[in-house]
Amino acid sequence: MATEIYCHTMPARILHWINAANIGLLTTSGMYIRDPELFALFANMDIARKTHFIAMYLIIYGILIRIYYSWVSKDYRELMFRLRDIRGFPSLFRYYLFLSKEPPVAGKYNAGQKLLYNAWAVLVLVQAITGFGLYFTEGLAAYVRALGGPVVVRQVHFAVTWVFILTVALHVYLSIIGGWTVIKSMITGYLPEGIYMQPVAGEFEGEEPEVF
């Protein structure tokens, strides 16, 4: 039986699935709020709005907790996208476009994952800024005007929603390509020894790879 390496800690896995669920709730409720006839996903507007704002607060807390956990556990060293990660994209593209059978050599997260996860944190911030402006239209009228007005704020909020939809779909697709062992690792935390994803990249200040 192949030896398994503990790659994803329990807090990281729990936060991953909580944030994933909240992104799903935010997206579906947001689409209903924008066009309830086209996206008939909720019984009524009141339920959709309450769901949207509960999920919004939860994902803000979830992201903040994940950032804090990354700091105390030091796995920000693996999650943070750096300029040197750009060199990993050619092999990444060749693998995911089926031009190469060799998976990209990376740490726990490859260059694409790092860029995507970092971008999601920024996009959540953008959605919170625009979302509060759309909800508290009277109390934050001056704030909305400073952002370009309600039409601009609404367009930005809607555009970023589609960015989430497309990137989450891409993330799911690439996870499926990665295989069941990769998907299962976000449930159990373990990956088979020798798989291209390692416990840590081992590129940080001369440190040796370690298992958390």
Protein backbone atom coordinates (compact mmCIF):
# COMPACT_ATOMS: atom_id res chain seq x y z
CA MET A 1 0.00 0.00 0.00
CA ALA A 2 1.38 3.40 -1.02
CA THR A 3 2.56 5.70 1.73
CA GLU A 4 0.44 8.82 2.12
CA ILE A 5 1.60 12.32 3.05
CA TYR A 6 -0.50 14.66 5.17
CA CYS A 7 -0.76 17.76 2.96
CA HIS A 8 -3.92 19.65 3.91
CA THR A 9 -4.63 20.32 7.58
CA MET A 10 -8.11 20.02 9.02
CA PRO A 11 -8.61 23.80 9.54
CA ALA A 12 -7.58 24.43 5.92
CA ARG A 13 -9.98 21.76 4.64
CA ILE A 14 -12.90 22.98 6.78
CA LEU A 15 -12.39 26.59 5.68
CA HIS A 16 -12.08 25.46 2.06
CA TRP A 17 -15.50 23.81 2.06
CA ILE A 18 -17.17 26.54 4.11
CA ASN A 19 -15.91 29.24 1.75
CA ALA A 20 -16.87 27.14 -1.27
CA ALA A 21 -20.43 26.77 0.06
CA ASN A 22 -20.70 30.49 0.75
CA ILE A 23 -19.47 31.39 -2.74
CA GLY A 24 -22.16 29.11 -4.12
CA LEU A 25 -24.85 30.73 -1.98
CA LEU A 26 -23.67 34.24 -2.84
CA THR A 27 -23.64 33.50 -6.55
CA THR A 28 -27.03 31.83 -6.76
CA SER A 29 -28.79 34.34 -4.49
CA GLY A 30 -27.12 37.25 -6.28
CA MET A 31 -28.33 36.02 -9.66
CA TYR A 32 -31.87 35.74 -8.30
CA ILE A 33 -31.71 39.24 -6.83
CA ARG A 34 -30.61 40.64 -10.20
CA ASP A 35 -33.17 38.76 -12.30
CA PRO A 36 -35.64 36.56 -10.39
CA GLU A 37 -37.43 35.49 -13.55
CA LEU A 38 -34.32 34.33 -15.38
CA PHE A 39 -32.65 32.80 -12.31
CA ALA A 40 -35.61 31.31 -10.44
CA LEU A 41 -33.46 29.72 -7.74
CA PHE A 42 -35.30 30.92 -4.59
CA ALA A 43 -38.89 31.00 -3.42
CA ASN A 44 -38.95 34.78 -3.07
CA MET A 45 -36.80 37.89 -2.92
CA ASP A 46 -36.78 38.09 0.87
CA ILE A 47 -35.20 34.63 1.21
CA ALA A 48 -32.68 35.43 -1.52
CA ARG A 49 -31.62 38.72 0.10
CA LYS A 50 -31.28 37.19 3.57
CA THR A 51 -29.29 34.27 2.15
CA HIS A 52 -27.07 36.67 0.22
CA PHE A 53 -26.14 38.78 3.21
CA ILE A 54 -25.71 35.91 5.64
CA ALA A 55 -23.36 34.22 3.15
CA MET A 56 -21.59 37.53 2.56
CA TYR A 57 -20.76 38.02 6.23
CA LEU A 58 -19.75 34.36 6.55
CA ILE A 59 -17.36 34.49 3.62
CA ILE A 60 -15.79 37.73 4.90
CA TYR A 61 -15.18 36.03 8.23
CA GLY A 62 -14.04 32.88 6.43
CA ILE A 63 -11.45 34.74 4.36
CA LEU A 64 -10.17 36.65 7.39
CA ILE A 65 -9.87 33.45 9.41
CA ARG A 66 -8.10 31.74 6.51
CA ILE A 67 -5.62 34.63 6.25
CA TYR A 68 -5.01 34.48 10.01
CA TYR A 69 -4.57 30.70 9.87
CA SER A 70 -2.16 31.07 6.94
CA TRP A 71 -0.10 33.44 9.04
CA VAL A 72 0.05 31.39 12.24
CA SER A 73 0.59 28.09 10.40
CA LYS A 74 3.02 29.78 7.99
CA ASP A 75 1.39 28.19 4.95
CA TYR A 76 1.12 31.68 3.45
CA ARG A 77 4.60 30.86 2.17
CA GLU A 78 2.97 28.28 -0.11
CA LEU A 79 -0.22 30.19 -0.89
CA MET A 80 1.28 33.57 -1.75
CA PHE A 81 1.78 34.16 -5.47
CA ARG A 82 5.23 35.50 -6.31
CA LEU A 83 6.73 36.75 -9.56
CA ARG A 84 8.95 33.67 -9.70
CA ASP A 85 5.81 31.54 -9.94
CA ILE A 86 5.24 32.86 -13.47
CA ARG A 87 7.89 30.46 -14.74
CA GLY A 88 5.61 27.58 -13.76
CA PHE A 89 2.83 28.51 -16.18
CA PRO A 90 4.28 27.00 -19.40
CA SER A 91 4.42 23.47 -17.95
CA LEU A 92 1.06 24.05 -16.26
CA PHE A 93 -0.63 25.00 -19.55
CA ARG A 94 0.95 22.08 -21.42
CA TYR A 95 -0.34 19.61 -18.82
CA TYR A 96 -3.89 20.95 -18.55
CA LEU A 97 -4.20 21.32 -22.34
CA PHE A 98 -3.18 17.66 -22.69
CA LEU A 99 0.00 18.59 -24.57
CA SER A 100 2.13 16.87 -21.94
CA LYS A 101 1.58 13.83 -19.73
CA GLU A 102 3.97 15.18 -17.11
CA PRO A 103 2.22 17.17 -14.37
CA PRO A 104 3.88 20.45 -13.40
CA VAL A 105 6.48 20.23 -10.67
CA ALA A 106 5.26 22.42 -7.81
CA GLY A 107 4.85 22.63 -4.08
CA LYS A 108 1.53 22.07 -2.39
CA TYR A 109 -0.04 24.57 -4.78
CA ASN A 110 0.97 25.20 -8.38
CA ALA A 111 1.32 28.65 -9.93
CA GLY A 112 -2.26 28.72 -11.20
CA GLN A 113 -3.72 27.75 -7.85
CA LYS A 114 -1.71 30.43 -6.05
CA LEU A 115 -2.79 33.12 -8.50
CA LEU A 116 -6.43 32.03 -8.32
CA TYR A 117 -6.60 31.85 -4.51
CA ASN A 118 -4.92 35.24 -4.12
CA ALA A 119 -7.26 36.74 -6.71
CA TRP A 120 -10.33 35.35 -4.94
CA ALA A 121 -9.38 37.13 -1.72
CA VAL A 122 -9.15 40.43 -3.61
CA LEU A 123 -12.41 39.79 -5.48
CA VAL A 124 -14.25 39.06 -2.21
CA LEU A 125 -13.08 42.48 -0.99
CA VAL A 126 -14.37 44.13 -4.19
CA GLN A 127 -17.72 42.36 -3.80
CA ALA A 128 -18.00 43.45 -0.17
CA ILE A 129 -17.23 47.09 -1.06
CA THR A 130 -19.73 47.20 -3.93
CA GLY A 131 -22.28 44.97 -2.18
CA PHE A 132 -22.59 47.17 0.89
CA GLY A 133 -23.05 50.17 -1.39
CA LEU A 134 -25.88 48.45 -3.26
CA TYR A 135 -27.63 47.34 -0.09
CA PHE A 136 -27.36 50.51 1.98
CA THR A 137 -28.22 52.85 -0.88
CA GLU A 138 -29.42 55.75 1.27
CA GLY A 139 -26.99 55.56 4.17
CA LEU A 140 -24.00 55.09 1.85
CA ALA A 141 -25.12 57.42 -0.94
CA ALA A 142 -21.97 59.56 -0.79
CA TYR A 143 -19.83 56.42 -0.70
CA VAL A 144 -21.58 55.05 -3.81
CA ARG A 145 -21.14 58.35 -5.66
CA ALA A 146 -17.42 58.24 -4.84
CA LEU A 147 -17.24 54.81 -6.44
CA GLY A 148 -18.77 56.13 -9.66
CA GLY A 149 -22.48 55.96 -8.93
CA PRO A 150 -25.00 53.13 -8.47
CA VAL A 151 -24.90 52.01 -12.12
CA VAL A 152 -21.11 51.58 -12.09
CA VAL A 153 -21.18 49.86 -8.70
CA ARG A 154 -23.89 47.46 -9.89
CA GLN A 155 -22.01 46.67 -13.10
CA VAL A 156 -18.76 46.00 -11.26
CA HIS A 157 -20.54 43.78 -8.74
CA PHE A 158 -22.23 41.78 -11.50
CA ALA A 159 -19.03 41.48 -13.57
CA VAL A 160 -17.05 40.17 -10.60
CA THR A 161 -19.83 37.64 -9.93
CA TRP A 162 -19.24 36.21 -13.39
CA VAL A 163 -15.51 36.14 -12.76
CA PHE A 164 -16.25 33.98 -9.70
CA ILE A 165 -18.55 31.71 -11.70
CA LEU A 166 -16.00 31.17 -14.45
CA THR A 167 -12.99 30.72 -12.17
CA VAL A 168 -14.82 28.35 -9.82
CA ALA A 169 -15.90 26.30 -12.86
CA LEU A 170 -12.27 26.28 -14.03
CA HIS A 171 -11.09 25.26 -10.55
CA VAL A 172 -13.55 22.33 -10.46
CA TYR A 173 -12.57 21.25 -13.97
CA LEU A 174 -8.84 21.31 -13.22
CA SER A 175 -9.42 19.45 -9.96
CA ILE A 176 -11.20 16.71 -11.90
CA ILE A 177 -8.30 16.54 -14.35
CA GLY A 178 -5.97 16.25 -11.37
CA GLY A 179 -7.77 13.03 -10.45
CA TRP A 180 -9.70 11.55 -7.56
CA THR A 181 -6.63 11.52 -5.30
CA VAL A 182 -6.41 15.31 -5.51
CA ILE A 183 -10.13 15.78 -4.82
CA LYS A 184 -10.05 13.26 -1.96
CA SER A 185 -7.11 15.09 -0.39
CA MET A 186 -9.42 18.02 0.40
CA ILE A 187 -11.55 15.58 2.41
CA THR A 188 -8.94 13.40 4.09
CA GLY A 189 -5.93 15.72 3.92
CA TYR A 190 -3.70 12.98 2.50
CA LEU A 191 -2.00 12.51 -0.87
CA PRO A 192 -0.03 9.45 -2.03
CA GLU A 193 3.72 9.81 -1.63
CA GLY A 194 5.37 10.65 -4.93
CA ILE A 195 2.46 12.60 -6.39
CA TYR A 196 3.57 15.91 -7.88
CA MET A 197 2.00 17.94 -5.07
CA GLN A 198 4.34 17.90 -2.08
CA PRO A 199 3.83 18.95 1.56
CA VAL A 200 5.78 22.19 1.03
CA ALA A 201 7.72 23.63 -1.86
CA GLY A 202 11.02 23.75 0.04
CA GLU A 203 12.02 27.03 -1.62
CA PHE A 204 11.68 29.27 1.39
CA GLU A 205 14.96 30.56 2.78
CA GLY A 206 16.68 27.23 2.27
CA GLU A 207 14.17 25.29 4.36
CA GLU A 208 13.70 21.59 3.85
CA PRO A 209 10.25 20.21 2.96
CA GLU A 210 8.21 19.38 6.00
CA VAL A 211 4.85 17.83 6.76
CA PHE A 212 2.45 19.90 8.83
